[in-house]
Amino acid sequence: MKRRTLIWIGIASLAFLTVDTSFGVTIPAGTPLVVRTLHGISSIDAPGTRFPAELAKDVVVNGKVVLPVGTKVSGQVATSKRTHTSSQRLSVNIADVQVGGRSLPIKTAGAIGLEQSTLKTRRGVSVSTYSYQVPSGRRIEFRLAQPLNL
């Protein structure tokens, strides 16, 4: 009898651990998402090019962590300086987040502070370059453009 009870307690414990604790939570629009790039992004990458990243900071709703550090996300180049004559800047968004083994599409309002750092000559003159690289491991902040239902 004790053995059977221990087995049921073990099964119940495993079931409890596999339940997604963030189920039924909505992350409101405007919530910041700070990610760390896992591969470099180039200012001449074609729009639509995807890149992997992960959350570098917990996402908290009502004092509860709903997306922990390390949660995988996928980003996408929105605009880029694909040609020499293009006046567009590099802009990227987060396209989806991995939650409980499934991919959820999300919409963000673009990266904050992704611009190229200004290059200057020895005399302090600013120089514009055609292409630049956002390195792997760079922290980038986004804001949710729409609420995300987990």
N, C-alpha and C. Protein backbone atom coordinates (compact mmCIF):
# COMPACT_ATOMS: atom_id res chain seq x y z
N MET A 1 0.82 -1.19 0.00
CA MET A 1 0.00 0.00 0.00
C MET A 1 0.87 1.26 0.00
N LYS A 2 1.94 1.27 0.80
CA LYS A 2 2.83 2.44 0.85
C LYS A 2 3.53 2.64 -0.49
N ARG A 3 3.89 1.54 -1.12
CA ARG A 3 4.59 1.63 -2.41
C ARG A 3 3.67 2.25 -3.47
N ARG A 4 2.42 1.85 -3.48
CA ARG A 4 1.45 2.38 -4.44
C ARG A 4 1.25 3.88 -4.19
N THR A 5 1.16 4.27 -2.95
CA THR A 5 1.00 5.68 -2.61
C THR A 5 2.20 6.49 -3.08
N LEU A 6 3.40 5.97 -2.87
CA LEU A 6 4.61 6.67 -3.31
C LEU A 6 4.64 6.80 -4.84
N ILE A 7 4.19 5.78 -5.54
CA ILE A 7 4.16 5.83 -7.01
C ILE A 7 3.20 6.92 -7.47
N TRP A 8 2.01 7.00 -6.85
CA TRP A 8 1.04 8.03 -7.23
C TRP A 8 1.55 9.43 -6.91
N ILE A 9 2.22 9.56 -5.80
CA ILE A 9 2.81 10.86 -5.45
C ILE A 9 3.86 11.25 -6.48
N GLY A 10 4.67 10.29 -6.90
CA GLY A 10 5.69 10.54 -7.92
C GLY A 10 5.07 10.95 -9.24
N ILE A 11 4.02 10.26 -9.66
CA ILE A 11 3.35 10.59 -10.93
C ILE A 11 2.72 11.98 -10.84
N ALA A 12 2.08 12.27 -9.72
CA ALA A 12 1.46 13.59 -9.55
C ALA A 12 2.52 14.69 -9.56
N SER A 13 3.67 14.43 -8.96
CA SER A 13 4.75 15.42 -8.95
C SER A 13 5.26 15.69 -10.35
N LEU A 14 5.44 14.64 -11.14
CA LEU A 14 5.89 14.82 -12.52
C LEU A 14 4.86 15.59 -13.34
N ALA A 15 3.60 15.27 -13.16
CA ALA A 15 2.54 15.98 -13.89
C ALA A 15 2.54 17.46 -13.52
N PHE A 16 2.75 17.77 -12.25
CA PHE A 16 2.78 19.15 -11.79
C PHE A 16 3.96 19.90 -12.41
N LEU A 17 5.11 19.23 -12.53
CA LEU A 17 6.29 19.87 -13.08
C LEU A 17 6.17 20.14 -14.57
N THR A 18 5.38 19.34 -15.29
CA THR A 18 5.27 19.52 -16.73
C THR A 18 4.20 20.53 -17.12
N VAL A 19 3.38 20.98 -16.19
CA VAL A 19 2.34 21.96 -16.50
C VAL A 19 3.01 23.31 -16.76
N ASP A 20 2.62 23.97 -17.85
CA ASP A 20 3.14 25.29 -18.18
C ASP A 20 2.56 26.31 -17.21
N THR A 21 3.42 26.87 -16.35
CA THR A 21 2.94 27.78 -15.32
C THR A 21 2.52 29.13 -15.88
N SER A 22 2.90 29.43 -17.14
CA SER A 22 2.53 30.72 -17.71
C SER A 22 1.23 30.64 -18.50
N PHE A 23 0.57 29.51 -18.50
CA PHE A 23 -0.67 29.32 -19.24
C PHE A 23 -1.71 30.33 -18.80
N GLY A 24 -2.35 30.97 -19.76
CA GLY A 24 -3.42 31.91 -19.44
C GLY A 24 -2.94 33.31 -19.09
N VAL A 25 -1.68 33.61 -19.31
CA VAL A 25 -1.13 34.92 -18.98
C VAL A 25 -1.04 35.75 -20.26
N THR A 26 -1.35 37.04 -20.14
CA THR A 26 -1.20 37.96 -21.26
C THR A 26 -0.11 38.96 -20.91
N ILE A 27 0.88 39.06 -21.80
CA ILE A 27 1.94 40.06 -21.64
C ILE A 27 1.46 41.30 -22.39
N PRO A 28 1.29 42.43 -21.70
CA PRO A 28 0.70 43.60 -22.34
C PRO A 28 1.60 44.26 -23.39
N ALA A 29 0.96 44.94 -24.35
CA ALA A 29 1.70 45.73 -25.34
C ALA A 29 2.54 46.76 -24.60
N GLY A 30 3.70 47.06 -25.14
CA GLY A 30 4.61 48.02 -24.52
C GLY A 30 5.62 47.39 -23.58
N THR A 31 5.43 46.11 -23.26
CA THR A 31 6.37 45.42 -22.38
C THR A 31 7.73 45.31 -23.06
N PRO A 32 8.82 45.67 -22.37
CA PRO A 32 10.14 45.55 -23.00
C PRO A 32 10.60 44.08 -23.06
N LEU A 33 11.24 43.75 -24.16
CA LEU A 33 11.88 42.44 -24.35
C LEU A 33 13.35 42.71 -24.64
N VAL A 34 14.23 42.30 -23.74
CA VAL A 34 15.66 42.48 -23.95
C VAL A 34 16.22 41.13 -24.38
N VAL A 35 16.80 41.11 -25.60
CA VAL A 35 17.32 39.87 -26.15
C VAL A 35 18.82 39.98 -26.38
N ARG A 36 19.47 38.83 -26.52
CA ARG A 36 20.89 38.74 -26.85
C ARG A 36 20.97 37.98 -28.16
N THR A 37 21.63 38.57 -29.16
CA THR A 37 21.75 37.91 -30.45
C THR A 37 22.67 36.70 -30.34
N LEU A 38 22.33 35.64 -31.06
CA LEU A 38 23.16 34.43 -31.07
C LEU A 38 24.02 34.35 -32.33
N HIS A 39 23.72 35.19 -33.33
CA HIS A 39 24.50 35.31 -34.56
C HIS A 39 24.54 36.79 -34.92
N GLY A 40 25.55 37.18 -35.68
CA GLY A 40 25.65 38.55 -36.12
C GLY A 40 24.56 38.91 -37.12
N ILE A 41 24.25 40.20 -37.19
CA ILE A 41 23.28 40.73 -38.14
C ILE A 41 24.00 41.83 -38.92
N SER A 42 23.85 41.82 -40.24
CA SER A 42 24.53 42.80 -41.07
C SER A 42 23.54 43.82 -41.60
N SER A 43 24.01 45.05 -41.76
CA SER A 43 23.16 46.10 -42.30
C SER A 43 22.79 45.85 -43.76
N ILE A 44 23.44 44.91 -44.41
CA ILE A 44 23.11 44.60 -45.80
C ILE A 44 22.37 43.27 -45.93
N ASP A 45 21.96 42.67 -44.82
CA ASP A 45 21.11 41.48 -44.88
C ASP A 45 19.79 41.85 -45.54
N ALA A 46 19.27 40.95 -46.34
CA ALA A 46 18.00 41.20 -47.03
C ALA A 46 16.85 41.26 -46.04
N PRO A 47 15.88 42.14 -46.27
CA PRO A 47 14.68 42.12 -45.43
C PRO A 47 14.06 40.72 -45.45
N GLY A 48 13.64 40.26 -44.30
CA GLY A 48 13.09 38.91 -44.16
C GLY A 48 14.09 37.91 -43.62
N THR A 49 15.39 38.28 -43.64
CA THR A 49 16.42 37.38 -43.10
C THR A 49 16.17 37.18 -41.61
N ARG A 50 16.16 35.92 -41.19
CA ARG A 50 15.90 35.60 -39.78
C ARG A 50 17.21 35.41 -39.03
N PHE A 51 17.17 35.67 -37.73
CA PHE A 51 18.34 35.47 -36.87
C PHE A 51 17.88 34.94 -35.52
N PRO A 52 18.68 34.07 -34.90
CA PRO A 52 18.31 33.53 -33.58
C PRO A 52 18.78 34.46 -32.46
N ALA A 53 18.00 34.45 -31.39
CA ALA A 53 18.34 35.24 -30.20
C ALA A 53 17.70 34.56 -28.99
N GLU A 54 18.03 35.06 -27.81
CA GLU A 54 17.41 34.56 -26.58
C GLU A 54 17.19 35.72 -25.64
N LEU A 55 16.21 35.57 -24.75
CA LEU A 55 15.94 36.63 -23.79
C LEU A 55 17.14 36.81 -22.86
N ALA A 56 17.54 38.05 -22.67
CA ALA A 56 18.66 38.37 -21.79
C ALA A 56 18.16 38.88 -20.44
N LYS A 57 16.84 39.05 -20.33
CA LYS A 57 16.22 39.55 -19.10
C LYS A 57 14.86 38.90 -18.97
N ASP A 58 14.49 38.50 -17.74
CA ASP A 58 13.18 37.91 -17.49
C ASP A 58 12.07 38.87 -17.90
N VAL A 59 10.97 38.32 -18.41
CA VAL A 59 9.76 39.10 -18.66
C VAL A 59 8.82 38.80 -17.50
N VAL A 60 8.43 39.85 -16.78
CA VAL A 60 7.64 39.71 -15.57
C VAL A 60 6.28 40.37 -15.76
N VAL A 61 5.22 39.64 -15.38
CA VAL A 61 3.86 40.18 -15.41
C VAL A 61 3.26 39.97 -14.03
N ASN A 62 2.79 41.04 -13.40
CA ASN A 62 2.20 40.98 -12.06
C ASN A 62 3.12 40.29 -11.06
N GLY A 63 4.41 40.59 -11.13
CA GLY A 63 5.38 40.05 -10.19
C GLY A 63 5.79 38.61 -10.44
N LYS A 64 5.33 38.02 -11.54
CA LYS A 64 5.63 36.62 -11.84
C LYS A 64 6.41 36.53 -13.15
N VAL A 65 7.49 35.76 -13.14
CA VAL A 65 8.28 35.56 -14.35
C VAL A 65 7.49 34.67 -15.30
N VAL A 66 7.14 35.20 -16.48
CA VAL A 66 6.38 34.43 -17.46
C VAL A 66 7.25 33.97 -18.62
N LEU A 67 8.34 34.68 -18.88
CA LEU A 67 9.33 34.26 -19.87
C LEU A 67 10.71 34.45 -19.24
N PRO A 68 11.38 33.36 -18.89
CA PRO A 68 12.67 33.48 -18.20
C PRO A 68 13.82 33.79 -19.15
N VAL A 69 14.92 34.26 -18.56
CA VAL A 69 16.16 34.46 -19.30
C VAL A 69 16.50 33.16 -20.03
N GLY A 70 16.95 33.28 -21.28
CA GLY A 70 17.32 32.11 -22.06
C GLY A 70 16.23 31.59 -22.98
N THR A 71 14.99 32.13 -22.83
CA THR A 71 13.91 31.73 -23.72
C THR A 71 14.30 32.07 -25.15
N LYS A 72 14.18 31.11 -26.06
CA LYS A 72 14.58 31.30 -27.46
C LYS A 72 13.56 32.16 -28.19
N VAL A 73 14.07 33.10 -28.97
CA VAL A 73 13.25 33.94 -29.84
C VAL A 73 13.89 33.94 -31.22
N SER A 74 13.11 34.32 -32.20
CA SER A 74 13.61 34.43 -33.56
C SER A 74 13.32 35.83 -34.05
N GLY A 75 14.35 36.48 -34.57
CA GLY A 75 14.19 37.83 -35.08
C GLY A 75 14.19 37.84 -36.59
N GLN A 76 13.85 39.00 -37.15
CA GLN A 76 13.77 39.13 -38.60
C GLN A 76 14.16 40.55 -39.00
N VAL A 77 14.96 40.66 -40.06
CA VAL A 77 15.34 41.96 -40.58
C VAL A 77 14.11 42.58 -41.25
N ALA A 78 13.74 43.79 -40.84
CA ALA A 78 12.60 44.50 -41.43
C ALA A 78 13.05 45.37 -42.60
N THR A 79 14.07 46.18 -42.38
CA THR A 79 14.65 47.01 -43.44
C THR A 79 16.16 46.97 -43.32
N SER A 80 16.82 47.24 -44.44
CA SER A 80 18.28 47.24 -44.41
C SER A 80 18.82 48.14 -45.50
N LYS A 81 20.09 48.41 -45.43
CA LYS A 81 20.78 49.22 -46.43
C LYS A 81 21.35 48.25 -47.46
N ARG A 82 20.46 47.58 -48.16
CA ARG A 82 20.81 46.49 -49.07
C ARG A 82 21.65 46.96 -50.25
N THR A 83 21.46 48.18 -50.70
CA THR A 83 22.23 48.70 -51.84
C THR A 83 22.91 50.01 -51.43
N HIS A 84 23.91 50.41 -52.23
CA HIS A 84 24.63 51.66 -51.94
C HIS A 84 23.72 52.87 -51.98
N THR A 85 22.68 52.82 -52.79
CA THR A 85 21.80 53.98 -52.95
C THR A 85 20.65 54.00 -51.95
N SER A 86 20.49 52.95 -51.17
CA SER A 86 19.39 52.88 -50.22
C SER A 86 19.61 53.86 -49.07
N SER A 87 18.53 54.53 -48.70
CA SER A 87 18.61 55.46 -47.57
C SER A 87 18.06 54.82 -46.29
N GLN A 88 17.59 53.57 -46.40
CA GLN A 88 17.01 52.91 -45.23
C GLN A 88 18.11 52.45 -44.27
N ARG A 89 17.75 52.44 -43.00
CA ARG A 89 18.65 51.94 -41.96
C ARG A 89 18.29 50.51 -41.63
N LEU A 90 19.18 49.84 -40.95
CA LEU A 90 18.90 48.49 -40.49
C LEU A 90 17.86 48.56 -39.37
N SER A 91 16.78 47.81 -39.54
CA SER A 91 15.80 47.68 -38.46
C SER A 91 15.37 46.22 -38.39
N VAL A 92 15.20 45.74 -37.19
CA VAL A 92 14.84 44.33 -36.96
C VAL A 92 13.69 44.26 -35.97
N ASN A 93 12.97 43.15 -36.00
CA ASN A 93 11.89 42.88 -35.08
C ASN A 93 11.99 41.44 -34.61
N ILE A 94 11.33 41.16 -33.52
CA ILE A 94 11.20 39.77 -33.07
C ILE A 94 9.96 39.20 -33.74
N ALA A 95 10.10 38.01 -34.34
CA ALA A 95 9.01 37.39 -35.09
C ALA A 95 8.25 36.35 -34.28
N ASP A 96 8.98 35.61 -33.41
CA ASP A 96 8.31 34.60 -32.60
C ASP A 96 9.12 34.26 -31.37
N VAL A 97 8.46 33.61 -30.42
CA VAL A 97 9.07 33.19 -29.16
C VAL A 97 8.70 31.73 -28.92
N GLN A 98 9.64 30.96 -28.37
CA GLN A 98 9.40 29.55 -28.08
C GLN A 98 8.90 29.40 -26.64
N VAL A 99 7.67 28.90 -26.51
CA VAL A 99 7.06 28.74 -25.18
C VAL A 99 6.46 27.34 -25.11
N GLY A 100 6.91 26.55 -24.15
CA GLY A 100 6.34 25.22 -23.94
C GLY A 100 6.42 24.33 -25.17
N GLY A 101 7.51 24.43 -25.92
CA GLY A 101 7.70 23.58 -27.09
C GLY A 101 6.94 24.04 -28.34
N ARG A 102 6.32 25.20 -28.27
CA ARG A 102 5.61 25.72 -29.45
C ARG A 102 6.10 27.13 -29.76
N SER A 103 5.97 27.50 -31.01
CA SER A 103 6.41 28.81 -31.47
C SER A 103 5.20 29.75 -31.55
N LEU A 104 5.27 30.86 -30.82
CA LEU A 104 4.18 31.84 -30.81
C LEU A 104 4.61 33.09 -31.58
N PRO A 105 3.85 33.49 -32.59
CA PRO A 105 4.20 34.72 -33.31
C PRO A 105 3.98 35.95 -32.44
N ILE A 106 4.89 36.90 -32.55
CA ILE A 106 4.75 38.14 -31.80
C ILE A 106 5.07 39.32 -32.71
N LYS A 107 4.61 40.49 -32.32
CA LYS A 107 4.89 41.73 -33.05
C LYS A 107 5.57 42.69 -32.10
N THR A 108 6.70 43.21 -32.54
CA THR A 108 7.42 44.20 -31.73
C THR A 108 7.49 45.51 -32.52
N ALA A 109 7.82 46.57 -31.81
CA ALA A 109 7.87 47.91 -32.40
C ALA A 109 9.27 48.28 -32.84
N GLY A 110 10.11 47.32 -33.16
CA GLY A 110 11.46 47.60 -33.63
C GLY A 110 12.46 47.70 -32.50
N ALA A 111 13.70 47.53 -32.88
CA ALA A 111 14.79 47.55 -31.90
C ALA A 111 15.09 48.97 -31.46
N ILE A 112 15.51 49.11 -30.23
CA ILE A 112 15.92 50.40 -29.67
C ILE A 112 17.44 50.41 -29.62
N GLY A 113 18.06 51.41 -30.23
CA GLY A 113 19.51 51.54 -30.16
C GLY A 113 20.28 50.57 -31.01
N LEU A 114 19.79 50.25 -32.20
CA LEU A 114 20.48 49.31 -33.08
C LEU A 114 21.40 50.02 -34.07
N GLU A 115 21.34 51.34 -34.12
CA GLU A 115 22.10 52.08 -35.10
C GLU A 115 23.59 51.80 -34.98
N GLN A 116 24.26 52.06 -36.09
CA GLN A 116 25.70 51.91 -36.15
C GLN A 116 26.36 52.94 -35.25
N SER A 117 27.37 52.51 -34.53
CA SER A 117 28.11 53.49 -33.75
C SER A 117 28.89 54.36 -34.73
N THR A 118 28.97 55.65 -34.45
CA THR A 118 29.60 56.59 -35.37
C THR A 118 31.09 56.35 -35.44
N LEU A 119 31.57 56.27 -36.67
CA LEU A 119 33.01 56.15 -36.89
C LEU A 119 33.57 57.54 -37.15
N LYS A 120 34.73 57.84 -36.57
CA LYS A 120 35.33 59.16 -36.75
C LYS A 120 36.79 59.01 -37.14
N THR A 121 37.26 60.00 -37.90
CA THR A 121 38.67 60.03 -38.27
C THR A 121 39.47 60.55 -37.09
N ARG A 122 40.77 60.58 -37.24
CA ARG A 122 41.62 61.09 -36.17
C ARG A 122 41.33 62.56 -35.85
N ARG A 123 40.83 63.26 -36.84
CA ARG A 123 40.53 64.68 -36.64
C ARG A 123 39.10 64.91 -36.16
N GLY A 124 38.35 63.82 -35.88
CA GLY A 124 37.01 63.95 -35.33
C GLY A 124 35.90 64.09 -36.35
N VAL A 125 36.21 63.84 -37.63
CA VAL A 125 35.20 63.95 -38.68
C VAL A 125 34.41 62.64 -38.73
N SER A 126 33.07 62.74 -38.71
CA SER A 126 32.23 61.54 -38.79
C SER A 126 32.32 60.93 -40.18
N VAL A 127 32.39 59.61 -40.22
CA VAL A 127 32.48 58.88 -41.48
C VAL A 127 31.33 57.89 -41.53
N SER A 128 30.63 57.90 -42.65
CA SER A 128 29.53 56.95 -42.84
C SER A 128 30.05 55.77 -43.64
N THR A 129 29.70 54.57 -43.23
CA THR A 129 30.11 53.39 -43.99
C THR A 129 28.88 52.74 -44.59
N TYR A 130 29.11 52.01 -45.66
CA TYR A 130 28.02 51.35 -46.37
C TYR A 130 27.42 50.23 -45.53
N SER A 131 28.26 49.40 -44.97
CA SER A 131 27.74 48.28 -44.20
C SER A 131 28.39 48.21 -42.83
N TYR A 132 27.68 47.62 -41.92
CA TYR A 132 28.20 47.39 -40.58
C TYR A 132 27.56 46.14 -40.01
N GLN A 133 28.14 45.61 -38.97
CA GLN A 133 27.72 44.34 -38.38
C GLN A 133 27.28 44.57 -36.94
N VAL A 134 26.11 44.01 -36.59
CA VAL A 134 25.69 43.95 -35.20
C VAL A 134 26.21 42.60 -34.70
N PRO A 135 27.16 42.60 -33.77
CA PRO A 135 27.83 41.34 -33.40
C PRO A 135 26.96 40.37 -32.62
N SER A 136 27.35 39.12 -32.68
CA SER A 136 26.72 38.09 -31.87
C SER A 136 26.94 38.43 -30.40
N GLY A 137 25.94 38.21 -29.58
CA GLY A 137 26.05 38.51 -28.16
C GLY A 137 25.59 39.91 -27.79
N ARG A 138 25.20 40.71 -28.77
CA ARG A 138 24.74 42.08 -28.52
C ARG A 138 23.35 42.07 -27.89
N ARG A 139 23.17 42.87 -26.85
CA ARG A 139 21.85 43.02 -26.21
C ARG A 139 21.07 44.08 -26.97
N ILE A 140 19.83 43.73 -27.32
CA ILE A 140 18.95 44.64 -28.06
C ILE A 140 17.61 44.67 -27.34
N GLU A 141 17.05 45.87 -27.19
CA GLU A 141 15.75 45.99 -26.53
C GLU A 141 14.64 46.24 -27.55
N PHE A 142 13.53 45.54 -27.37
CA PHE A 142 12.34 45.69 -28.19
C PHE A 142 11.17 46.00 -27.26
N ARG A 143 10.07 46.45 -27.83
CA ARG A 143 8.82 46.63 -27.08
C ARG A 143 7.72 45.90 -27.84
N LEU A 144 6.88 45.18 -27.10
CA LEU A 144 5.77 44.48 -27.74
C LEU A 144 4.82 45.50 -28.35
N ALA A 145 4.46 45.30 -29.62
CA ALA A 145 3.52 46.19 -30.29
C ALA A 145 2.08 45.75 -30.03
N GLN A 146 1.89 44.47 -29.74
CA GLN A 146 0.59 43.90 -29.43
C GLN A 146 0.71 42.99 -28.23
N PRO A 147 -0.36 42.82 -27.46
CA PRO A 147 -0.30 41.90 -26.32
C PRO A 147 0.03 40.48 -26.80
N LEU A 148 0.70 39.72 -25.96
CA LEU A 148 1.06 38.34 -26.26
C LEU A 148 0.35 37.43 -25.27
N ASN A 149 -0.51 36.55 -25.79
CA ASN A 149 -1.24 35.59 -24.95
C ASN A 149 -0.46 34.28 -24.91
N LEU A 150 -0.09 33.88 -23.70
CA LEU A 150 0.65 32.62 -23.54
C LEU A 150 -0.31 31.48 -23.26
